[in-house]
N, C-alpha and C. Protein backbone atom coordinates (compact mmCIF):
# COMPACT_ATOMS: atom_id res chain seq x y z
N PHE A 1 11.12 -44.95 10.34
CA PHE A 1 9.71 -44.76 9.64
C PHE A 1 9.17 -46.43 10.07
N ALA A 2 7.57 -46.44 9.79
CA ALA A 2 6.84 -47.27 9.64
C ALA A 2 6.12 -47.60 8.64
N ASN A 3 5.65 -48.99 8.53
CA ASN A 3 5.02 -48.83 7.02
C ASN A 3 4.16 -47.55 6.61
N ASP A 4 3.13 -47.13 7.53
CA ASP A 4 2.11 -45.49 7.46
C ASP A 4 2.96 -44.75 8.02
N ASP A 5 3.73 -44.75 8.21
CA ASP A 5 4.20 -43.00 8.56
C ASP A 5 4.28 -42.14 7.35
N PHE A 6 3.41 -41.57 6.95
CA PHE A 6 3.39 -40.71 5.63
C PHE A 6 4.14 -39.18 6.20
N PHE A 7 4.82 -38.90 4.62
CA PHE A 7 5.45 -37.81 5.17
C PHE A 7 6.05 -37.17 3.85
N ASN A 8 6.45 -35.54 3.85
CA ASN A 8 6.85 -34.85 2.84
C ASN A 8 8.44 -34.71 2.93
N VAL A 9 9.18 -34.47 2.54
CA VAL A 9 10.70 -33.95 2.26
C VAL A 9 10.87 -33.29 1.91
N SER A 10 11.45 -32.68 2.07
CA SER A 10 12.89 -32.04 1.19
C SER A 10 14.25 -30.90 1.59
N MET A 11 15.33 -30.92 0.67
CA MET A 11 16.32 -30.11 0.65
C MET A 11 16.94 -29.38 -0.60
N THR A 12 17.55 -28.69 0.07
CA THR A 12 18.10 -27.74 -1.29
C THR A 12 19.38 -28.66 -1.09
N LEU A 13 20.01 -28.74 -2.10
CA LEU A 13 21.08 -29.29 -2.83
C LEU A 13 22.26 -28.63 -3.28
N THR A 14 23.37 -28.19 -3.41
CA THR A 14 24.87 -28.28 -3.98
C THR A 14 25.43 -29.30 -4.19
N LEU A 15 25.96 -29.69 -5.08
CA LEU A 15 26.84 -30.42 -5.33
C LEU A 15 28.24 -29.86 -6.28
N MET A 16 29.16 -29.89 -5.84
CA MET A 16 30.42 -29.79 -6.86
C MET A 16 31.99 -30.23 -6.81
N GLY A 17 32.62 -30.30 -7.63
CA GLY A 17 33.33 -30.86 -7.85
C GLY A 17 33.69 -31.15 -9.61
N SER A 18 34.98 -31.12 -9.72
CA SER A 18 36.10 -30.86 -11.17
C SER A 18 34.83 -31.75 -12.48
N PRO A 19 34.55 -31.30 -12.69
CA PRO A 19 33.80 -31.85 -13.99
C PRO A 19 34.59 -32.73 -14.39
N THR A 20 35.67 -32.88 -14.97
CA THR A 20 36.34 -33.76 -15.53
C THR A 20 37.04 -35.14 -14.14
N SER A 21 36.19 -34.81 -13.13
CA SER A 21 36.86 -35.85 -11.99
C SER A 21 35.77 -37.41 -12.14
N PRO A 22 35.98 -38.15 -11.76
CA PRO A 22 34.74 -38.87 -11.47
C PRO A 22 33.81 -38.96 -10.97
N ARG A 23 32.74 -39.47 -10.73
CA ARG A 23 31.64 -39.52 -10.04
C ARG A 23 31.74 -38.63 -8.41
N LYS A 24 30.43 -37.62 -8.79
CA LYS A 24 30.38 -37.35 -7.23
C LYS A 24 28.32 -37.68 -7.16
N GLU A 25 27.86 -37.69 -6.03
CA GLU A 25 26.55 -37.91 -6.18
C GLU A 25 26.26 -37.47 -4.40
N ALA A 26 25.02 -37.14 -4.23
CA ALA A 26 23.98 -36.88 -2.99
C ALA A 26 22.68 -36.40 -3.61
N GLY A 27 21.82 -36.63 -2.29
CA GLY A 27 20.92 -36.62 -2.58
C GLY A 27 20.21 -37.30 -0.87
N PHE A 28 18.86 -38.14 -1.28
CA PHE A 28 18.39 -38.68 -0.27
C PHE A 28 18.44 -40.14 -0.29
N LEU A 29 19.04 -40.74 1.07
CA LEU A 29 19.10 -42.01 1.28
C LEU A 29 18.03 -42.65 2.51
N LEU A 30 17.25 -43.89 1.87
CA LEU A 30 16.30 -44.75 2.85
C LEU A 30 16.81 -45.94 2.79
N SER A 31 17.39 -46.17 4.13
CA SER A 31 18.43 -47.13 4.38
C SER A 31 16.97 -48.37 5.42
N THR A 32 16.25 -49.58 4.58
CA THR A 32 15.69 -50.23 5.57
C THR A 32 16.44 -51.42 5.28
N ILE A 33 16.31 -52.46 5.76
CA ILE A 33 16.63 -53.87 5.83
C ILE A 33 16.53 -54.69 4.50
N GLY A 34 15.39 -54.12 3.85
CA GLY A 34 15.23 -54.58 1.84
C GLY A 34 16.07 -54.24 1.01
N GLY A 35 17.50 -53.27 1.88
CA GLY A 35 18.08 -52.68 0.73
C GLY A 35 18.18 -51.07 1.00
N ASP A 36 19.37 -50.59 0.16
CA ASP A 36 18.82 -48.88 0.35
C ASP A 36 18.50 -48.43 -1.06
N GLY A 37 17.44 -47.30 -1.04
CA GLY A 37 16.62 -46.55 -1.77
C GLY A 37 17.31 -45.42 -1.76
N GLN A 38 18.14 -44.71 -2.82
CA GLN A 38 18.43 -43.36 -3.26
C GLN A 38 17.31 -42.57 -4.04
N PHE A 39 17.64 -40.89 -3.70
CA PHE A 39 16.96 -40.24 -4.81
C PHE A 39 17.98 -39.19 -4.58
N ILE A 40 19.19 -39.11 -5.89
CA ILE A 40 20.13 -38.20 -6.01
C ILE A 40 20.24 -37.71 -7.21
N VAL A 41 21.16 -36.62 -6.99
CA VAL A 41 21.53 -36.33 -8.45
C VAL A 41 22.74 -36.62 -8.44
N ASN A 42 23.75 -36.51 -9.79
CA ASN A 42 25.05 -36.74 -10.04
C ASN A 42 26.03 -36.40 -11.00
N THR A 43 27.34 -35.77 -11.14
CA THR A 43 27.71 -34.97 -11.81
C THR A 43 28.34 -35.70 -13.04
N ASP A 44 28.61 -37.27 -12.95
CA ASP A 44 28.88 -37.83 -14.24
C ASP A 44 27.97 -37.88 -15.11
N ALA A 45 27.31 -38.65 -15.00
CA ALA A 45 25.58 -38.75 -15.89
C ALA A 45 24.58 -37.54 -15.76
N HIS A 46 25.19 -36.91 -14.78
CA HIS A 46 23.86 -35.07 -15.25
C HIS A 46 22.56 -35.95 -14.52
N GLU A 47 22.26 -36.85 -13.62
CA GLU A 47 21.06 -37.32 -13.75
C GLU A 47 20.81 -36.82 -12.03
N ILE A 48 19.18 -36.80 -12.47
CA ILE A 48 18.15 -36.84 -11.07
C ILE A 48 17.50 -38.11 -11.48
N VAL A 49 17.63 -38.75 -10.05
CA VAL A 49 17.03 -40.19 -10.35
C VAL A 49 17.00 -40.94 -8.86
N ALA A 50 15.77 -41.67 -9.00
CA ALA A 50 15.47 -42.33 -8.24
C ALA A 50 15.58 -43.90 -8.10
N PHE A 51 15.89 -45.11 -7.01
CA PHE A 51 16.36 -46.11 -7.48
C PHE A 51 16.48 -47.26 -6.29
N GLY A 52 16.42 -48.08 -6.30
CA GLY A 52 16.78 -48.94 -4.95
C GLY A 52 15.98 -48.91 -4.05
N GLY A 53 16.34 -50.55 -3.32
CA GLY A 53 15.09 -50.73 -1.80
C GLY A 53 13.72 -50.42 -2.41
N PRO A 54 12.88 -50.16 -1.38
CA PRO A 54 11.61 -50.02 -1.53
C PRO A 54 11.27 -48.73 -2.74
N LEU A 55 12.08 -47.88 -3.44
CA LEU A 55 11.53 -47.00 -3.64
C LEU A 55 11.42 -47.18 -5.62
N PRO A 56 10.14 -46.24 -5.89
CA PRO A 56 10.20 -47.23 -7.28
C PRO A 56 11.02 -46.40 -8.32
N PHE A 57 11.58 -46.84 -9.55
CA PHE A 57 12.04 -46.21 -10.39
C PHE A 57 11.82 -44.99 -10.78
N TYR A 58 12.25 -43.70 -10.52
CA TYR A 58 11.88 -42.74 -11.81
C TYR A 58 13.34 -41.89 -12.32
N ALA A 59 13.37 -41.16 -13.16
CA ALA A 59 14.30 -40.22 -13.82
C ALA A 59 13.66 -38.82 -14.72
N PHE A 60 14.24 -37.84 -13.76
CA PHE A 60 13.80 -36.71 -14.62
C PHE A 60 14.51 -36.52 -16.13
N PRO A 61 14.06 -35.69 -16.98
CA PRO A 61 14.35 -36.04 -18.10
C PRO A 61 15.46 -34.63 -17.87
N ALA A 62 15.21 -33.54 -16.55
CA ALA A 62 16.25 -32.58 -16.75
C ALA A 62 17.33 -33.54 -16.64
N THR A 63 18.55 -32.23 -16.67
CA THR A 63 19.95 -32.44 -16.21
C THR A 63 20.68 -32.38 -15.09
N PHE A 64 21.26 -32.14 -14.20
CA PHE A 64 22.06 -31.66 -13.29
C PHE A 64 23.84 -31.38 -13.86
N PHE A 65 24.15 -30.28 -13.06
CA PHE A 65 25.25 -29.98 -13.44
C PHE A 65 26.01 -29.49 -12.08
N SER A 66 27.51 -29.98 -12.24
CA SER A 66 27.88 -30.05 -10.60
C SER A 66 28.13 -28.46 -10.76
N GLY A 67 27.56 -28.02 -9.53
CA GLY A 67 27.65 -26.56 -8.86
C GLY A 67 26.46 -26.12 -9.06
N SER A 68 25.47 -26.51 -9.74
CA SER A 68 24.10 -26.54 -9.59
C SER A 68 23.13 -26.32 -8.16
N THR A 69 22.45 -25.94 -8.01
CA THR A 69 21.45 -25.63 -6.63
C THR A 69 20.16 -26.36 -7.03
N ILE A 70 20.36 -27.65 -6.03
CA ILE A 70 18.94 -28.06 -6.82
C ILE A 70 18.00 -28.19 -5.43
N THR A 71 16.17 -27.94 -5.64
CA THR A 71 15.49 -28.33 -4.16
C THR A 71 15.23 -30.02 -5.10
N LEU A 72 15.24 -31.18 -3.90
CA LEU A 72 14.78 -32.37 -3.82
C LEU A 72 13.65 -32.47 -2.64
N GLY A 73 12.49 -32.85 -3.31
CA GLY A 73 11.71 -33.66 -2.63
C GLY A 73 10.60 -34.49 -2.83
N MET A 74 10.08 -35.34 -1.76
CA MET A 74 9.33 -36.73 -1.78
C MET A 74 8.16 -36.79 -0.80
N SER A 75 7.50 -36.96 -1.64
CA SER A 75 6.27 -37.02 -0.56
C SER A 75 5.98 -38.76 -0.19
N TYR A 76 5.45 -39.10 0.78
CA TYR A 76 5.02 -40.42 0.94
C TYR A 76 3.93 -40.55 1.50
N PHE A 77 2.84 -41.16 0.44
CA PHE A 77 1.20 -41.54 1.18
C PHE A 77 0.65 -42.08 0.58
N LEU A 78 -0.55 -42.43 1.04
CA LEU A 78 -2.01 -43.16 0.86
C LEU A 78 -2.72 -42.47 -0.15
N ASP A 79 -2.42 -42.94 -1.27
CA ASP A 79 -2.81 -42.24 -2.91
C ASP A 79 -4.85 -43.37 -3.09
N SER A 80 -5.60 -41.68 -2.14
CA SER A 80 -6.82 -42.03 -2.47
C SER A 80 -7.53 -42.63 -3.58
N ASN A 81 -6.72 -42.26 -4.87
CA ASN A 81 -7.34 -43.41 -6.35
C ASN A 81 -7.35 -44.52 -6.07
N THR A 82 -6.42 -45.31 -5.60
CA THR A 82 -5.95 -46.53 -6.02
C THR A 82 -5.90 -47.12 -4.49
N GLY A 83 -5.63 -46.68 -3.21
CA GLY A 83 -6.10 -47.15 -1.83
C GLY A 83 -4.20 -47.64 -1.61
N LEU A 84 -3.13 -47.43 -2.85
CA LEU A 84 -1.84 -47.65 -2.62
C LEU A 84 -0.95 -46.96 -1.87
N ARG A 85 -0.17 -47.41 -1.02
CA ARG A 85 1.05 -46.45 -0.62
C ARG A 85 1.98 -46.39 -1.96
N SER A 86 2.06 -44.88 -1.90
CA SER A 86 2.41 -44.07 -3.68
C SER A 86 3.55 -43.16 -2.95
N ILE A 87 4.40 -42.62 -3.70
CA ILE A 87 5.23 -41.51 -3.73
C ILE A 87 5.47 -40.95 -4.61
N VAL A 88 5.69 -39.35 -4.60
CA VAL A 88 5.72 -38.79 -5.75
C VAL A 88 7.29 -37.48 -5.48
N TYR A 89 8.08 -38.01 -6.02
CA TYR A 89 9.08 -37.42 -6.59
C TYR A 89 9.48 -35.64 -6.69
N SER A 90 9.95 -34.71 -6.62
CA SER A 90 9.97 -33.57 -7.09
C SER A 90 11.82 -33.30 -7.17
N ALA A 91 11.49 -32.33 -8.36
CA ALA A 91 12.84 -31.45 -8.37
C ALA A 91 13.15 -30.49 -9.26
N ASN A 92 13.21 -29.37 -8.28
CA ASN A 92 13.09 -28.13 -8.44
C ASN A 92 11.43 -27.26 -9.23
N GLY A 93 10.21 -27.98 -8.28
CA GLY A 93 9.42 -27.56 -8.45
C GLY A 93 8.56 -28.99 -9.75
N VAL A 94 9.26 -29.66 -9.85
CA VAL A 94 8.16 -30.48 -11.23
C VAL A 94 8.41 -31.50 -10.78
N ASN A 95 7.35 -31.89 -10.70
CA ASN A 95 6.90 -33.02 -10.23
C ASN A 95 6.98 -34.48 -10.78
N SER A 96 7.13 -36.08 -10.43
CA SER A 96 6.97 -37.15 -10.97
C SER A 96 5.42 -37.53 -11.16
N PRO A 97 5.29 -38.98 -11.48
CA PRO A 97 3.87 -38.95 -11.86
C PRO A 97 3.72 -39.89 -10.51
N VAL A 98 2.70 -40.02 -10.01
CA VAL A 98 2.26 -40.66 -8.27
C VAL A 98 3.06 -42.56 -8.88
N LEU A 99 4.26 -42.59 -8.14
CA LEU A 99 4.51 -44.35 -8.41
C LEU A 99 4.03 -44.84 -7.24
N ALA A 100 3.32 -45.63 -7.06
CA ALA A 100 3.29 -47.02 -6.46
C ALA A 100 4.31 -47.52 -5.71
N LEU A 101 4.54 -47.91 -4.51
CA LEU A 101 5.74 -49.06 -4.12
C LEU A 101 5.26 -50.84 -3.85
N SER A 102 5.72 -51.09 -5.06
CA SER A 102 5.34 -52.29 -5.60
C SER A 102 6.31 -53.55 -4.66
N ASN A 103 7.14 -53.37 -3.55
CA ASN A 103 8.07 -54.10 -2.83
C ASN A 103 6.67 -55.09 -1.70
N LEU A 104 7.40 -55.97 -1.53
CA LEU A 104 6.42 -57.11 -0.56
C LEU A 104 5.65 -56.48 0.37
N GLU A 105 6.13 -55.39 0.93
CA GLU A 105 5.35 -54.60 2.04
C GLU A 105 4.77 -53.37 1.35
N GLN A 106 4.77 -53.56 0.24
CA GLN A 106 3.75 -52.28 -0.33
C GLN A 106 4.18 -51.00 0.29
N GLY A 107 5.40 -50.47 0.45
CA GLY A 107 5.54 -49.42 0.87
C GLY A 107 6.63 -49.38 1.69
N ILE A 108 7.28 -48.70 2.69
CA ILE A 108 8.18 -48.59 3.01
C ILE A 108 8.26 -49.56 3.88
N ILE A 109 9.27 -49.86 4.79
CA ILE A 109 9.53 -50.72 5.36
C ILE A 109 9.56 -50.41 6.74
N SER A 110 8.80 -50.90 8.07
CA SER A 110 8.99 -50.30 9.03
C SER A 110 10.21 -50.63 9.67
N GLY A 111 11.17 -49.65 10.20
CA GLY A 111 12.32 -49.63 10.38
C GLY A 111 13.04 -48.88 10.17
N SER A 112 12.45 -48.35 8.80
CA SER A 112 13.38 -47.60 7.99
C SER A 112 13.96 -46.49 8.39
N THR A 113 15.28 -45.76 7.98
CA THR A 113 15.57 -44.43 8.47
C THR A 113 15.83 -43.62 6.73
N LEU A 114 15.57 -42.17 7.54
CA LEU A 114 15.53 -41.26 5.99
C LEU A 114 17.24 -40.32 6.49
N GLY A 115 17.35 -40.18 5.85
CA GLY A 115 18.80 -38.97 5.55
C GLY A 115 19.77 -38.79 4.37
N GLY A 116 20.12 -37.57 4.75
CA GLY A 116 21.51 -37.02 3.55
C GLY A 116 22.28 -37.93 3.22
N TYR A 117 22.46 -38.08 2.04
CA TYR A 117 23.66 -39.27 1.41
C TYR A 117 24.75 -38.06 0.05
N PHE A 118 25.87 -38.53 0.45
CA PHE A 118 26.87 -37.67 -0.45
C PHE A 118 28.17 -38.82 -0.57
N GLN A 119 28.45 -39.51 -1.72
CA GLN A 119 29.46 -40.08 -2.17
C GLN A 119 30.07 -39.45 -3.33
N ILE A 120 31.96 -40.14 -3.00
CA ILE A 120 32.90 -39.74 -4.33
C ILE A 120 33.05 -40.45 -4.46
N VAL A 121 33.53 -41.34 -5.76
CA VAL A 121 34.07 -42.46 -5.96
C VAL A 121 35.64 -41.72 -6.73
N ASN A 122 36.42 -42.39 -5.53
CA ASN A 122 37.62 -41.81 -5.80
C ASN A 122 38.50 -42.74 -7.05
N ALA A 123 38.44 -44.05 -7.25
CA ALA A 123 38.91 -44.57 -8.32
C ALA A 123 38.68 -43.91 -9.38
N PRO A 124 39.69 -43.90 -10.63
CA PRO A 124 40.93 -44.16 -10.55
C PRO A 124 41.76 -43.17 -9.88
N ASP A 125 41.60 -41.99 -9.61
CA ASP A 125 42.14 -40.65 -9.14
C ASP A 125 41.44 -40.74 -7.61
N PRO A 126 42.91 -41.03 -6.84
CA PRO A 126 42.66 -40.91 -5.14
C PRO A 126 42.64 -39.59 -4.92
N ASN A 127 42.86 -38.43 -5.87
CA ASN A 127 43.21 -37.35 -5.40
C ASN A 127 41.68 -36.55 -5.60
N ASN A 128 40.80 -37.47 -6.04
CA ASN A 128 39.51 -36.99 -6.34
C ASN A 128 38.78 -36.30 -5.30
N SER A 129 37.97 -34.95 -5.50
CA SER A 129 37.51 -34.79 -4.20
C SER A 129 35.73 -33.96 -4.44
N GLY A 130 34.93 -33.37 -3.71
CA GLY A 130 33.96 -32.56 -4.23
C GLY A 130 33.45 -32.48 -2.83
N ILE A 131 32.11 -31.47 -2.70
CA ILE A 131 31.35 -31.06 -2.12
C ILE A 131 29.89 -30.79 -2.08
N ALA A 132 29.46 -31.36 -0.65
CA ALA A 132 27.76 -31.49 -1.06
C ALA A 132 27.50 -30.37 0.38
N VAL A 133 26.61 -29.12 -0.10
CA VAL A 133 26.10 -28.42 0.74
C VAL A 133 24.50 -28.76 0.66
N PHE A 134 23.81 -29.12 1.68
CA PHE A 134 22.51 -29.92 2.21
C PHE A 134 22.12 -28.43 3.37
N GLN A 135 21.05 -28.14 2.62
CA GLN A 135 20.54 -26.75 3.36
C GLN A 135 19.03 -26.82 3.19
N ASN A 136 18.41 -26.13 4.14
CA ASN A 136 16.69 -26.69 3.92
C ASN A 136 15.94 -27.80 4.19
N MET A 137 16.33 -28.45 5.31
CA MET A 137 16.13 -29.69 5.21
C MET A 137 14.76 -29.87 6.40
N ASN A 138 13.80 -30.38 5.28
CA ASN A 138 12.74 -30.29 5.79
C ASN A 138 11.92 -31.73 6.12
N ILE A 139 11.31 -31.80 6.99
CA ILE A 139 10.17 -33.23 7.03
C ILE A 139 9.11 -32.76 7.89
N VAL A 140 8.02 -33.43 7.41
CA VAL A 140 6.76 -32.81 7.69
C VAL A 140 5.82 -34.45 7.78
N ALA A 141 5.27 -34.58 8.50
CA ALA A 141 4.82 -36.12 8.95
C ALA A 141 3.26 -35.64 8.29
N ILE A 142 2.26 -36.85 7.50
CA ILE A 142 1.04 -36.57 6.97
C ILE A 142 0.32 -37.55 7.79
N PRO A 143 -0.78 -37.12 8.43
CA PRO A 143 -1.65 -37.67 9.15
C PRO A 143 -2.07 -39.28 8.01
N GLU A 144 -2.32 -39.95 8.86
CA GLU A 144 -3.14 -41.00 7.79
C GLU A 144 -4.66 -40.64 7.76
N PRO A 145 -4.68 -41.06 6.85
CA PRO A 145 -6.53 -40.78 6.12
C PRO A 145 -7.64 -40.89 7.33
N THR A 146 -7.70 -42.30 7.94
CA THR A 146 -7.95 -42.20 8.98
C THR A 146 -8.32 -41.75 10.08
N ALA A 147 -7.06 -41.20 10.80
CA ALA A 147 -6.55 -40.46 12.05
C ALA A 147 -6.94 -39.03 11.26
N PHE A 148 -7.13 -38.33 10.13
CA PHE A 148 -7.38 -37.13 9.72
C PHE A 148 -8.88 -36.94 9.68
N ALA A 149 -9.55 -38.04 9.67
CA ALA A 149 -11.21 -38.11 9.24
C ALA A 149 -11.88 -38.09 10.64
N LEU A 150 -11.18 -39.11 11.88
CA LEU A 150 -11.21 -39.13 13.22
C LEU A 150 -11.02 -37.46 14.05
N LEU A 151 -10.01 -36.82 13.59
CA LEU A 151 -9.39 -35.67 14.40
C LEU A 151 -10.78 -34.56 13.61
N SER A 152 -10.56 -34.83 12.30
CA SER A 152 -12.22 -33.76 11.68
C SER A 152 -12.97 -34.03 12.58
N LEU A 153 -13.79 -35.02 12.59
CA LEU A 153 -14.88 -35.28 13.35
C LEU A 153 -15.27 -34.87 14.88
N GLY A 154 -14.09 -35.04 15.44
CA GLY A 154 -13.46 -34.41 16.77
C GLY A 154 -13.67 -33.27 16.65
N VAL A 155 -13.35 -32.17 16.12
CA VAL A 155 -13.17 -30.32 15.75
C VAL A 155 -14.49 -30.45 15.35
N LEU A 156 -15.35 -31.04 14.87
CA LEU A 156 -16.77 -30.22 14.05
C LEU A 156 -17.44 -30.25 15.37
N PRO A 157 -18.12 -31.01 16.42
CA PRO A 157 -19.12 -31.08 17.30
C PRO A 157 -18.53 -29.50 17.75
N LEU A 158 -16.74 -29.33 18.47
CA LEU A 158 -16.65 -28.37 19.00
C LEU A 158 -16.78 -26.80 17.76
N GLY A 159 -16.69 -27.02 16.83
CA GLY A 159 -16.69 -25.67 16.04
C GLY A 159 -18.15 -25.23 15.76
N LEU A 160 -19.37 -26.25 15.60
CA LEU A 160 -20.39 -26.17 16.12
C LEU A 160 -20.69 -25.36 17.24
N MET A 161 -20.17 -26.03 18.30
CA MET A 161 -21.12 -25.35 19.64
C MET A 161 -20.30 -24.02 20.07
N LEU A 162 -19.32 -23.82 19.25
CA LEU A 162 -18.45 -22.28 19.20
C LEU A 162 -19.17 -21.50 18.61
N ARG A 163 -19.90 -22.05 17.53
CA ARG A 163 -20.84 -21.23 16.48
C ARG A 163 -22.01 -20.63 17.43
N ARG A 164 -22.73 -22.22 17.75
CA ARG A 164 -23.98 -22.03 18.72
C ARG A 164 -23.74 -20.97 19.16
N ARG A 165 -22.83 -21.16 20.46
CA ARG A 165 -22.28 -20.37 21.45
C ARG A 165 -22.05 -18.61 21.31
N GLN A 166 -21.78 -18.14 19.82
CA GLN A 166 -21.47 -16.61 18.87
C GLN A 166 -22.37 -16.74 18.38
N SER A 167 -23.70 -16.99 17.82
CA SER A 167 -25.13 -16.75 17.85
C SER A 167 -25.86 -16.35 18.72
N ASN A 168 -25.94 -17.23 19.86
CA ASN A 168 -26.61 -16.72 21.24
C ASN A 168 -26.46 -15.56 21.86
N ARG A 169 -25.41 -15.29 21.56
CA ARG A 169 -24.88 -13.84 22.25
C ARG A 169 -25.45 -12.80 21.39
N SER A 170 -25.51 -13.24 19.81
CA SER A 170 -26.15 -11.96 18.81
C SER A 170 -27.26 -10.83 19.17
């Protein structure tokens, strides 16, 4: 991704493991040269949380339990109210507030990658195990507002021409 590559991304995730064993976590990982950002669930603290890298911190008040299925989503966009690159996180249809990215680049750092993330902490139990099932992973590019406006201006004359042609036939 580049700084102005706006997108909506979502996935359905099931994270399982023994509730008495050490931490398991899974979700999105945004890898950047400025540090990695995560939007994850975990089994020991029962959190749904985003943090790190360019991602603004946000913790959902809801809790996550091992074996539950959750739909996680992120929307990265240019906020028309503030003019700032912003993000909204979602967990099972509940949205965070609009959060501006406040890093030096004021957004996702060009050259960043986004993917799934799964980690099992094996200490102190080397036999600790877990399973993460990622399904329905979707990413949709959002046109930059200026490009969208230009596209709309290009389509408008075509629509008017077709409408005029139809009214001439009547």
